[in-house]
C-alpha atoms as a PDB file:
ATOM      1  CA  MET A   1     -21.618  57.823  72.895  1.00  0.00           C
ATOM      2  CA  THR A   2     -19.691  54.858  71.423  1.00  0.00           C
ATOM      3  CA  MET A   3     -16.379  53.611  72.749  1.00  0.00           C
ATOM      4  CA  SER A   4     -14.606  55.147  69.756  1.00  0.00           C
ATOM      5  CA  GLU A   5     -16.095  58.549  70.517  1.00  0.00           C
ATOM      6  CA  SER A   6     -15.186  58.571  74.218  1.00  0.00           C
ATOM      7  CA  LEU A   7     -11.911  60.317  75.058  1.00  0.00           C
ATOM      8  CA  GLU A   8      -9.749  60.034  78.158  1.00  0.00           C
ATOM      9  CA  LEU A   9      -7.419  62.955  78.852  1.00  0.00           C
ATOM     10  CA  VAL A  10      -3.878  61.662  79.435  1.00  0.00           C
ATOM     11  CA  SER A  11      -2.063  64.980  79.927  1.00  0.00           C
ATOM     12  CA  ALA A  12      -2.440  68.723  79.385  1.00  0.00           C
ATOM     13  CA  THR A  13       0.415  71.226  79.097  1.00  0.00           C
ATOM     14  CA  LYS A  14       0.079  74.980  78.588  1.00  0.00           C
ATOM     15  CA  SER A  15       2.158  76.285  75.668  1.00  0.00           C
ATOM     16  CA  PHE A  16       2.228  79.800  74.120  1.00  0.00           C
ATOM     17  CA  GLY A  17      -1.249  80.555  75.433  1.00  0.00           C
ATOM     18  CA  GLY A  18      -2.699  77.313  74.081  1.00  0.00           C
ATOM     19  CA  TRP A  19      -2.691  73.701  75.200  1.00  0.00           C
ATOM     20  CA  ILE A  20      -0.893  70.527  74.208  1.00  0.00           C
ATOM     21  CA  LYS A  21      -3.255  67.726  75.166  1.00  0.00           C
ATOM     22  CA  ARG A  22      -2.930  63.959  74.816  1.00  0.00           C
ATOM     23  CA  TYR A  23      -5.998  61.741  74.700  1.00  0.00           C
ATOM     24  CA  LYS A  24      -6.624  58.008  74.786  1.00  0.00           C
ATOM     25  CA  HIS A  25      -9.518  56.379  72.959  1.00  0.00           C
ATOM     26  CA  ARG A  26     -10.632  52.996  71.736  1.00  0.00           C
ATOM     27  CA  SER A  27     -10.168  52.688  67.985  1.00  0.00           C
ATOM     28  CA  ARG A  28     -12.634  50.547  66.082  1.00  0.00           C
ATOM     29  CA  ALA A  29     -10.483  50.611  62.938  1.00  0.00           C
ATOM     30  CA  LEU A  30      -7.435  49.290  64.794  1.00  0.00           C
ATOM     31  CA  ASP A  31      -9.229  47.314  67.524  1.00  0.00           C
ATOM     32  CA  CYS A  32      -6.980  48.651  70.273  1.00  0.00           C
ATOM     33  CA  GLU A  33      -6.429  51.625  72.551  1.00  0.00           C
ATOM     34  CA  MET A  34      -4.755  54.589  70.834  1.00  0.00           C
ATOM     35  CA  ILE A  35      -3.258  57.878  72.009  1.00  0.00           C
ATOM     36  CA  PHE A  36      -3.117  61.059  69.938  1.00  0.00           C
ATOM     37  CA  ALA A  37      -1.895  64.575  70.674  1.00  0.00           C
ATOM     38  CA  ILE A  38      -3.475  67.894  69.783  1.00  0.00           C
ATOM     39  CA  TYR A  39      -2.215  71.443  70.071  1.00  0.00           C
ATOM     40  CA  LEU A  40      -5.075  73.898  70.566  1.00  0.00           C
ATOM     41  CA  PRO A  41      -4.003  77.516  69.995  1.00  0.00           C
ATOM     42  CA  PRO A  42      -5.344  80.267  72.279  1.00  0.00           C
ATOM     43  CA  GLN A  43      -7.896  81.288  69.610  1.00  0.00           C
ATOM     44  CA  ALA A  44      -9.639  77.922  70.155  1.00  0.00           C
ATOM     45  CA  GLU A  45     -10.933  79.236  73.479  1.00  0.00           C
ATOM     46  CA  SER A  46     -13.356  81.538  71.660  1.00  0.00           C
ATOM     47  CA  GLU A  47     -13.709  80.345  68.058  1.00  0.00           C
ATOM     48  CA  ARG A  48     -13.345  77.380  65.738  1.00  0.00           C
ATOM     49  CA  VAL A  49      -9.892  77.111  64.194  1.00  0.00           C
ATOM     50  CA  PRO A  50      -8.351  75.395  61.154  1.00  0.00           C
ATOM     51  CA  LEU A  51      -6.422  72.170  61.586  1.00  0.00           C
ATOM     52  CA  LEU A  52      -3.082  70.786  60.449  1.00  0.00           C
ATOM     53  CA  TRP A  53      -2.552  67.026  60.546  1.00  0.00           C
ATOM     54  CA  TRP A  54       1.009  65.877  61.223  1.00  0.00           C
ATOM     55  CA  LEU A  55       1.972  62.269  60.434  1.00  0.00           C
ATOM     56  CA  SER A  56       5.194  61.047  61.997  1.00  0.00           C
ATOM     57  CA  GLY A  57       7.830  58.624  60.790  1.00  0.00           C
ATOM     58  CA  LEU A  58       9.274  55.245  61.697  1.00  0.00           C
ATOM     59  CA  THR A  59       9.691  54.529  65.447  1.00  0.00           C
ATOM     60  CA  CYS A  60       7.850  57.742  66.386  1.00  0.00           C
ATOM     61  CA  THR A  61       4.732  58.225  68.519  1.00  0.00           C
ATOM     62  CA  ASP A  62       2.324  61.132  68.894  1.00  0.00           C
ATOM     63  CA  GLU A  63       4.902  62.904  71.082  1.00  0.00           C
ATOM     64  CA  ASN A  64       7.907  63.404  68.793  1.00  0.00           C
ATOM     65  CA  PHE A  65       6.573  66.349  66.812  1.00  0.00           C
ATOM     66  CA  MET A  66       5.047  68.083  69.826  1.00  0.00           C
ATOM     67  CA  GLN A  67       8.296  67.865  71.787  1.00  0.00           C
ATOM     68  CA  LYS A  68      10.911  68.452  69.075  1.00  0.00           C
ATOM     69  CA  ALA A  69       9.538  70.483  66.161  1.00  0.00           C
ATOM     70  CA  GLY A  70       9.066  73.784  67.992  1.00  0.00           C
ATOM     71  CA  ALA A  71       5.809  74.460  66.164  1.00  0.00           C
ATOM     72  CA  GLN A  72       3.628  75.758  68.991  1.00  0.00           C
ATOM     73  CA  ARG A  73       4.835  79.368  69.059  1.00  0.00           C
ATOM     74  CA  LEU A  74       3.934  80.073  65.439  1.00  0.00           C
ATOM     75  CA  ALA A  75       0.853  77.835  65.496  1.00  0.00           C
ATOM     76  CA  ALA A  76      -0.427  79.984  68.376  1.00  0.00           C
ATOM     77  CA  GLU A  77       0.281  83.163  66.423  1.00  0.00           C
ATOM     78  CA  LEU A  78      -1.404  81.807  63.296  1.00  0.00           C
ATOM     79  CA  GLY A  79      -4.362  80.270  65.139  1.00  0.00           C
ATOM     80  CA  ILE A  80      -3.866  76.724  63.857  1.00  0.00           C
ATOM     81  CA  ALA A  81      -4.598  73.502  65.716  1.00  0.00           C
ATOM     82  CA  ILE A  82      -2.245  70.553  65.124  1.00  0.00           C
ATOM     83  CA  VAL A  83      -3.154  66.883  65.556  1.00  0.00           C
ATOM     84  CA  CYS A  84      -0.499  64.175  65.796  1.00  0.00           C
ATOM     85  CA  PRO A  85      -1.707  60.560  65.572  1.00  0.00           C
ATOM     86  CA  ASP A  86       0.478  57.634  66.582  1.00  0.00           C
ATOM     87  CA  THR A  87       2.292  55.692  63.857  1.00  0.00           C
ATOM     88  CA  SER A  88       0.875  52.193  64.428  1.00  0.00           C
ATOM     89  CA  PRO A  89      -1.500  50.195  66.596  1.00  0.00           C
ATOM     90  CA  ARG A  90      -0.287  49.609  70.154  1.00  0.00           C
ATOM     91  CA  GLY A  91      -0.649  46.800  72.655  1.00  0.00           C
ATOM     92  CA  THR A  92      -1.603  44.122  70.125  1.00  0.00           C
ATOM     93  CA  ASP A  93       1.563  42.010  70.612  1.00  0.00           C
ATOM     94  CA  LEU A  94       1.314  40.162  67.311  1.00  0.00           C
ATOM     95  CA  PRO A  95       4.019  37.590  66.458  1.00  0.00           C
ATOM     96  CA  GLY A  96       7.115  39.444  65.279  1.00  0.00           C
ATOM     97  CA  GLU A  97       5.505  42.854  65.788  1.00  0.00           C
ATOM     98  CA  HIS A  98       8.404  44.253  67.806  1.00  0.00           C
ATOM     99  CA  ASP A  99      11.290  42.517  66.028  1.00  0.00           C
ATOM    100  CA  SER A 100      12.426  45.405  63.785  1.00  0.00           C
ATOM    101  CA  TYR A 101      12.158  49.182  63.696  1.00  0.00           C
ATOM    102  CA  ASP A 102      10.835  49.357  60.122  1.00  0.00           C
ATOM    103  CA  PHE A 103       7.930  46.907  60.331  1.00  0.00           C
ATOM    104  CA  GLY A 104       5.221  46.359  62.933  1.00  0.00           C
ATOM    105  CA  SER A 105       5.236  48.506  66.048  1.00  0.00           C
ATOM    106  CA  GLY A 106       5.875  52.151  65.163  1.00  0.00           C
ATOM    107  CA  ALA A 107       5.812  51.357  61.438  1.00  0.00           C
ATOM    108  CA  GLY A 108       2.195  51.183  60.268  1.00  0.00           C
ATOM    109  CA  PHE A 109       3.006  52.915  56.950  1.00  0.00           C
ATOM    110  CA  TYR A 110      -0.517  54.389  56.786  1.00  0.00           C
ATOM    111  CA  VAL A 111      -1.928  51.416  54.854  1.00  0.00           C
ATOM    112  CA  ASN A 112      -4.822  49.018  55.440  1.00  0.00           C
ATOM    113  CA  ALA A 113      -3.197  45.610  55.871  1.00  0.00           C
ATOM    114  CA  THR A 114      -4.772  42.704  54.007  1.00  0.00           C
ATOM    115  CA  GLN A 115      -2.474  39.915  55.270  1.00  0.00           C
ATOM    116  CA  ALA A 116      -2.752  37.911  58.482  1.00  0.00           C
ATOM    117  CA  PRO A 117      -2.080  38.592  61.295  1.00  0.00           C
ATOM    118  CA  TRP A 118      -1.765  42.300  60.504  1.00  0.00           C
ATOM    119  CA  LYS A 119      -5.167  42.865  58.896  1.00  0.00           C
ATOM    120  CA  SER A 120      -6.988  42.661  62.237  1.00  0.00           C
ATOM    121  CA  HIS A 121      -5.248  45.760  63.604  1.00  0.00           C
ATOM    122  CA  TYR A 122      -2.967  47.424  61.059  1.00  0.00           C
ATOM    123  CA  ARG A 123      -5.515  49.615  59.318  1.00  0.00           C
ATOM    124  CA  MET A 124      -3.774  52.936  59.801  1.00  0.00           C
ATOM    125  CA  TYR A 125      -5.124  54.364  56.555  1.00  0.00           C
ATOM    126  CA  ASP A 126      -8.707  54.072  57.768  1.00  0.00           C
ATOM    127  CA  TYR A 127      -7.684  55.390  61.158  1.00  0.00           C
ATOM    128  CA  VAL A 128      -6.024  58.584  59.923  1.00  0.00           C
ATOM    129  CA  ALA A 129      -8.322  59.138  56.937  1.00  0.00           C
ATOM    130  CA  ASP A 130     -11.678  58.534  58.597  1.00  0.00           C
ATOM    131  CA  GLU A 131     -11.907  57.484  62.239  1.00  0.00           C
ATOM    132  CA  LEU A 132      -9.615  59.943  64.011  1.00  0.00           C
ATOM    133  CA  PRO A 133     -10.820  62.929  61.940  1.00  0.00           C
ATOM    134  CA  SER A 134     -14.377  62.073  62.960  1.00  0.00           C
ATOM    135  CA  VAL A 135     -13.347  61.964  66.621  1.00  0.00           C
ATOM    136  CA  VAL A 136     -11.457  65.263  66.375  1.00  0.00           C
ATOM    137  CA  ARG A 137     -14.319  67.067  64.638  1.00  0.00           C
ATOM    138  CA  GLN A 138     -16.751  65.882  67.288  1.00  0.00           C
ATOM    139  CA  HIS A 139     -14.706  66.875  70.327  1.00  0.00           C
ATOM    140  CA  PHE A 140     -12.696  69.965  69.392  1.00  0.00           C
ATOM    141  CA  PRO A 141     -13.469  73.480  68.057  1.00  0.00           C
ATOM    142  CA  VAL A 142     -12.200  73.019  64.498  1.00  0.00           C
ATOM    143  CA  ASN A 143     -13.795  74.763  61.526  1.00  0.00           C
ATOM    144  CA  GLY A 144     -13.522  72.112  58.800  1.00  0.00           C
ATOM    145  CA  ARG A 145     -10.512  73.586  57.007  1.00  0.00           C
ATOM    146  CA  GLU A 146      -7.700  71.046  57.078  1.00  0.00           C
ATOM    147  CA  SER A 147      -4.164  70.655  55.764  1.00  0.00           C
ATOM    148  CA  ILE A 148      -1.706  67.795  56.183  1.00  0.00           C
ATOM    149  CA  SER A 149       2.035  67.340  56.587  1.00  0.00           C
ATOM    150  CA  GLY A 150       4.489  64.739  57.811  1.00  0.00           C
ATOM    151  CA  HIS A 151       8.028  63.414  57.983  1.00  0.00           C
ATOM    152  CA  SER A 152       9.638  60.408  56.285  1.00  0.00           C
ATOM    153  CA  MET A 153       7.086  57.559  56.552  1.00  0.00           C
ATOM    154  CA  GLY A 154       4.650  60.244  57.688  1.00  0.00           C
ATOM    155  CA  GLY A 155       5.541  62.356  54.673  1.00  0.00           C
ATOM    156  CA  HIS A 156       4.564  59.363  52.559  1.00  0.00           C
ATOM    157  CA  GLY A 157       1.292  59.176  54.487  1.00  0.00           C
ATOM    158  CA  ALA A 158       0.569  62.873  54.023  1.00  0.00           C
ATOM    159  CA  LEU A 159       1.205  62.729  50.280  1.00  0.00           C
ATOM    160  CA  ILE A 160      -0.969  59.677  49.630  1.00  0.00           C
ATOM    161  CA  LEU A 161      -3.860  60.949  51.745  1.00  0.00           C
ATOM    162  CA  ALA A 162      -3.856  64.293  49.946  1.00  0.00           C
ATOM    163  CA  LEU A 163      -3.551  62.712  46.494  1.00  0.00           C
ATOM    164  CA  ARG A 164      -6.278  60.152  47.176  1.00  0.00           C
ATOM    165  CA  HIS A 165      -8.718  62.716  48.604  1.00  0.00           C
ATOM    166  CA  PRO A 166      -8.809  65.613  46.108  1.00  0.00           C
ATOM    167  CA  GLY A 167     -10.245  68.754  47.632  1.00  0.00           C
ATOM    168  CA  ARG A 168     -10.211  67.551  51.211  1.00  0.00           C
ATOM    169  CA  PHE A 169      -6.965  69.217  52.278  1.00  0.00           C
ATOM    170  CA  ARG A 170      -6.296  72.886  51.601  1.00  0.00           C
ATOM    171  CA  SER A 171      -2.578  72.079  51.312  1.00  0.00           C
ATOM    172  CA  VAL A 172      -0.027  69.298  51.782  1.00  0.00           C
ATOM    173  CA  SER A 173       3.659  69.371  52.630  1.00  0.00           C
ATOM    174  CA  ALA A 174       6.328  66.917  53.709  1.00  0.00           C
ATOM    175  CA  PHE A 175       9.818  66.685  55.132  1.00  0.00           C
ATOM    176  CA  SER A 176      12.040  63.946  53.685  1.00  0.00           C
ATOM    177  CA  PRO A 177       9.118  61.801  52.492  1.00  0.00           C
ATOM    178  CA  ILE A 178       9.282  58.237  51.180  1.00  0.00           C
ATOM    179  CA  VAL A 179       7.907  59.166  47.765  1.00  0.00           C
ATOM    180  CA  ASN A 180       8.170  55.813  45.964  1.00  0.00           C
ATOM    181  CA  PRO A 181       7.743  53.110  48.632  1.00  0.00           C
ATOM    182  CA  SER A 182       7.039  50.396  46.053  1.00  0.00           C
ATOM    183  CA  ALA A 183      10.649  50.762  44.919  1.00  0.00           C
ATOM    184  CA  CYS A 184      12.660  51.194  48.132  1.00  0.00           C
ATOM    185  CA  PRO A 185      13.635  48.716  50.889  1.00  0.00           C
ATOM    186  CA  TRP A 186      11.502  50.282  53.640  1.00  0.00           C
ATOM    187  CA  GLY A 187       8.387  50.347  51.495  1.00  0.00           C
ATOM    188  CA  GLN A 188       8.898  46.943  49.909  1.00  0.00           C
ATOM    189  CA  LYS A 189       9.318  45.281  53.300  1.00  0.00           C
ATOM    190  CA  ALA A 190       6.218  46.967  54.698  1.00  0.00           C
ATOM    191  CA  PHE A 191       4.034  46.488  51.627  1.00  0.00           C
ATOM    192  CA  GLN A 192       4.922  42.821  51.209  1.00  0.00           C
ATOM    193  CA  GLY A 193       4.228  42.156  54.879  1.00  0.00           C
ATOM    194  CA  TYR A 194       1.014  44.150  55.141  1.00  0.00           C
ATOM    195  CA  LEU A 195      -0.362  43.830  51.597  1.00  0.00           C
ATOM    196  CA  GLY A 196       1.144  40.628  50.161  1.00  0.00           C
ATOM    197  CA  ASP A 197       3.095  39.865  47.011  1.00  0.00           C
ATOM    198  CA  ASP A 198       0.754  41.513  44.490  1.00  0.00           C
ATOM    199  CA  ALA A 199       2.631  44.712  43.715  1.00  0.00           C
ATOM    200  CA  GLY A 200      -0.442  46.009  41.915  1.00  0.00           C
ATOM    201  CA  SER A 201      -2.119  46.496  45.294  1.00  0.00           C
ATOM    202  CA  TRP A 202       0.814  48.623  46.453  1.00  0.00           C
ATOM    203  CA  THR A 203       0.285  51.436  43.955  1.00  0.00           C
ATOM    204  CA  GLN A 204      -2.640  52.948  45.877  1.00  0.00           C
ATOM    205  CA  TYR A 205      -0.149  53.818  48.639  1.00  0.00           C
ATOM    206  CA  ASP A 206       2.648  55.172  46.436  1.00  0.00           C
ATOM    207  CA  ALA A 207       2.842  58.923  45.721  1.00  0.00           C
ATOM    208  CA  CYS A 208       4.760  58.479  42.468  1.00  0.00           C
ATOM    209  CA  GLU A 209       2.170  56.010  41.198  1.00  0.00           C
ATOM    210  CA  LEU A 210      -0.722  58.233  42.240  1.00  0.00           C
ATOM    211  CA  VAL A 211       0.748  61.246  40.451  1.00  0.00           C
ATOM    212  CA  ALA A 212       1.330  59.126  37.338  1.00  0.00           C
ATOM    213  CA  LYS A 213      -2.310  58.002  37.400  1.00  0.00           C
ATOM    214  CA  GLY A 214      -3.547  61.588  37.706  1.00  0.00           C
ATOM    215  CA  ALA A 215      -5.261  60.900  41.023  1.00  0.00           C
ATOM    216  CA  SER A 216      -5.190  64.602  41.954  1.00  0.00           C
ATOM    217  CA  ARG A 217      -3.751  67.970  40.958  1.00  0.00           C
ATOM    218  CA  GLN A 218      -2.898  68.787  44.593  1.00  0.00           C
ATOM    219  CA  PRO A 219       0.260  70.966  44.683  1.00  0.00           C
ATOM    220  CA  LEU A 220       3.058  69.286  46.655  1.00  0.00           C
ATOM    221  CA  PHE A 221       5.540  71.176  48.862  1.00  0.00           C
ATOM    222  CA  ILE A 222       8.572  69.157  50.014  1.00  0.00           C
ATOM    223  CA  ASP A 223      11.763  69.937  51.924  1.00  0.00           C
ATOM    224  CA  GLN A 224      14.670  67.484  51.690  1.00  0.00           C
ATOM    225  CA  GLY A 225      18.045  67.585  53.413  1.00  0.00           C
ATOM    226  CA  GLU A 226      20.969  66.747  51.164  1.00  0.00           C
ATOM    227  CA  ALA A 227      22.973  65.188  54.028  1.00  0.00           C
ATOM    228  CA  ASP A 228      20.130  62.758  54.803  1.00  0.00           C
ATOM    229  CA  ASN A 229      21.535  59.257  55.367  1.00  0.00           C
ATOM    230  CA  PHE A 230      18.427  57.743  53.761  1.00  0.00           C
ATOM    231  CA  LEU A 231      18.347  59.997  50.708  1.00  0.00           C
ATOM    232  CA  GLU A 232      19.662  57.666  47.988  1.00  0.00           C
ATOM    233  CA  GLU A 233      18.415  54.268  49.181  1.00  0.00           C
ATOM    234  CA  GLN A 234      15.019  55.056  50.690  1.00  0.00           C
ATOM    235  CA  LEU A 235      13.695  58.530  49.851  1.00  0.00           C
ATOM    236  CA  LYS A 236      14.576  59.054  46.175  1.00  0.00           C
ATOM    237  CA  PRO A 237      12.981  62.520  45.716  1.00  0.00           C
ATOM    238  CA  GLU A 238      14.262  62.643  42.146  1.00  0.00           C
ATOM    239  CA  ARG A 239      11.682  59.995  41.228  1.00  0.00           C
ATOM    240  CA  LEU A 240       8.795  62.174  42.361  1.00  0.00           C
ATOM    241  CA  GLU A 241      10.402  65.166  40.683  1.00  0.00           C
ATOM    242  CA  ALA A 242      10.592  63.243  37.400  1.00  0.00           C
ATOM    243  CA  VAL A 243       7.026  61.935  37.473  1.00  0.00           C
ATOM    244  CA  CYS A 244       5.657  65.381  38.415  1.00  0.00           C
ATOM    245  CA  ALA A 245       7.559  66.925  35.518  1.00  0.00           C
ATOM    246  CA  GLU A 246       6.298  64.237  33.133  1.00  0.00           C
ATOM    247  CA  HIS A 247       2.669  64.748  34.150  1.00  0.00           C
ATOM    248  CA  ASP A 248       2.852  68.508  34.733  1.00  0.00           C
ATOM    249  CA  HIS A 249       1.959  68.041  38.407  1.00  0.00           C
ATOM    250  CA  PRO A 250       2.684  71.099  40.608  1.00  0.00           C
ATOM    251  CA  LEU A 251       5.673  70.399  42.865  1.00  0.00           C
ATOM    252  CA  THR A 252       7.930  72.581  44.975  1.00  0.00           C
ATOM    253  CA  LEU A 253      10.968  70.533  46.040  1.00  0.00           C
ATOM    254  CA  ARG A 254      13.548  72.405  48.087  1.00  0.00           C
ATOM    255  CA  ARG A 255      16.937  70.765  48.697  1.00  0.00           C
ATOM    256  CA  HIS A 256      18.927  71.928  51.718  1.00  0.00           C
ATOM    257  CA  PRO A 257      22.703  71.306  51.816  1.00  0.00           C
ATOM    258  CA  GLY A 258      24.052  69.972  55.117  1.00  0.00           C
ATOM    259  CA  TYR A 259      20.712  68.998  56.682  1.00  0.00           C
ATOM    260  CA  ASP A 260      19.987  65.417  57.744  1.00  0.00           C
ATOM    261  CA  HIS A 261      16.874  63.347  58.525  1.00  0.00           C
ATOM    262  CA  SER A 262      16.432  64.506  62.117  1.00  0.00           C
ATOM    263  CA  TYR A 263      14.045  66.843  63.895  1.00  0.00           C
ATOM    264  CA  PHE A 264      16.812  69.467  63.840  1.00  0.00           C
ATOM    265  CA  PHE A 265      16.035  69.698  60.106  1.00  0.00           C
ATOM    266  CA  ILE A 266      12.291  69.842  60.725  1.00  0.00           C
ATOM    267  CA  ALA A 267      12.661  72.513  63.423  1.00  0.00           C
ATOM    268  CA  SER A 268      14.786  74.597  61.047  1.00  0.00           C
ATOM    269  CA  PHE A 269      12.038  74.884  58.436  1.00  0.00           C
ATOM    270  CA  ILE A 270       8.768  74.152  60.248  1.00  0.00           C
ATOM    271  CA  ASP A 271       7.854  77.866  60.259  1.00  0.00           C
ATOM    272  CA  ASP A 272       7.917  77.900  56.455  1.00  0.00           C
ATOM    273  CA  HIS A 273       5.502  74.986  56.384  1.00  0.00           C
ATOM    274  CA  LEU A 274       3.180  76.488  58.981  1.00  0.00           C
ATOM    275  CA  ARG A 275       2.973  79.764  57.081  1.00  0.00           C
ATOM    276  CA  TYR A 276       2.415  77.904  53.816  1.00  0.00           C
ATOM    277  CA  HIS A 277      -0.514  76.009  55.319  1.00  0.00           C
ATOM    278  CA  ALA A 278      -1.879  79.035  57.183  1.00  0.00           C
ATOM    279  CA  GLU A 279      -2.190  80.991  53.940  1.00  0.00           C
ATOM    280  CA  LYS A 280      -4.425  78.247  52.518  1.00  0.00           C
ATOM    281  CA  LEU A 281      -6.281  77.492  55.742  1.00  0.00           C
ATOM    282  CA  HIS A 282      -7.346  81.067  56.433  1.00  0.00           C
ATOM    283  CA  LYS A 283      -8.779  81.686  52.971  1.00  0.00           C
ATOM    284  CA  LYS A 284     -12.566  81.805  53.201  1.00  0.00           C
ATOM    285  CA  SER A 285     -13.170  80.137  49.833  1.00  0.00           C
END
């Protein structure tokens, strides 16, 4: 068994008949130790279950969703496992890595960095697209049916992974995603730092650009709070709405008056997302 395939149990907590478990492993893609969380519903004791990936946002770790979203009760009822990766490499202590909340530590943006010093560790796209799924499939009773969701920066990650891998995910959804990172301050800062000045290399990590290029026909399901402080400057859902309309790409975009960017918003509508994914995940075809 390779170092990447060896898991160390960090904690285990019983929840609604299932288990929230956190594991540490050595990542080859990121060249550092990583921790991820998994919720295994009670059905996983006797059968293989479908899997929902959850990608978190800026400053978050693997713990935020598990502790704040309130997803375990319905996930147990629906028989769905949930995996939450971390949001960036940890313990690398690169120059400037911890200087700001929106770049470096906690802000991997789900890209493969090409610029020094980030390219040695900041390869979150490979980690969440390939390495961690391989680890999860090897160690846990999952049945190969997968969906993906996420919040903010993680919503961006969920959208680009689904659009770039047609047919891999039964469904994709997002809360308050960064839909056009090439054209907002968060995305521009991250992409310039990780990928360099060539904006052409950014488009592979931009949901609006991927829809425009016809990368996939994957239906998109998005919830957005209208009282979100980041709505106008960073999130810009109207841009994705416009490009989906132009290219006849299936999109469900629900706007919710009064809701902000927090996990109170996510907890309010997470059941809708779980049921949406469960319908797709439990289909035999």
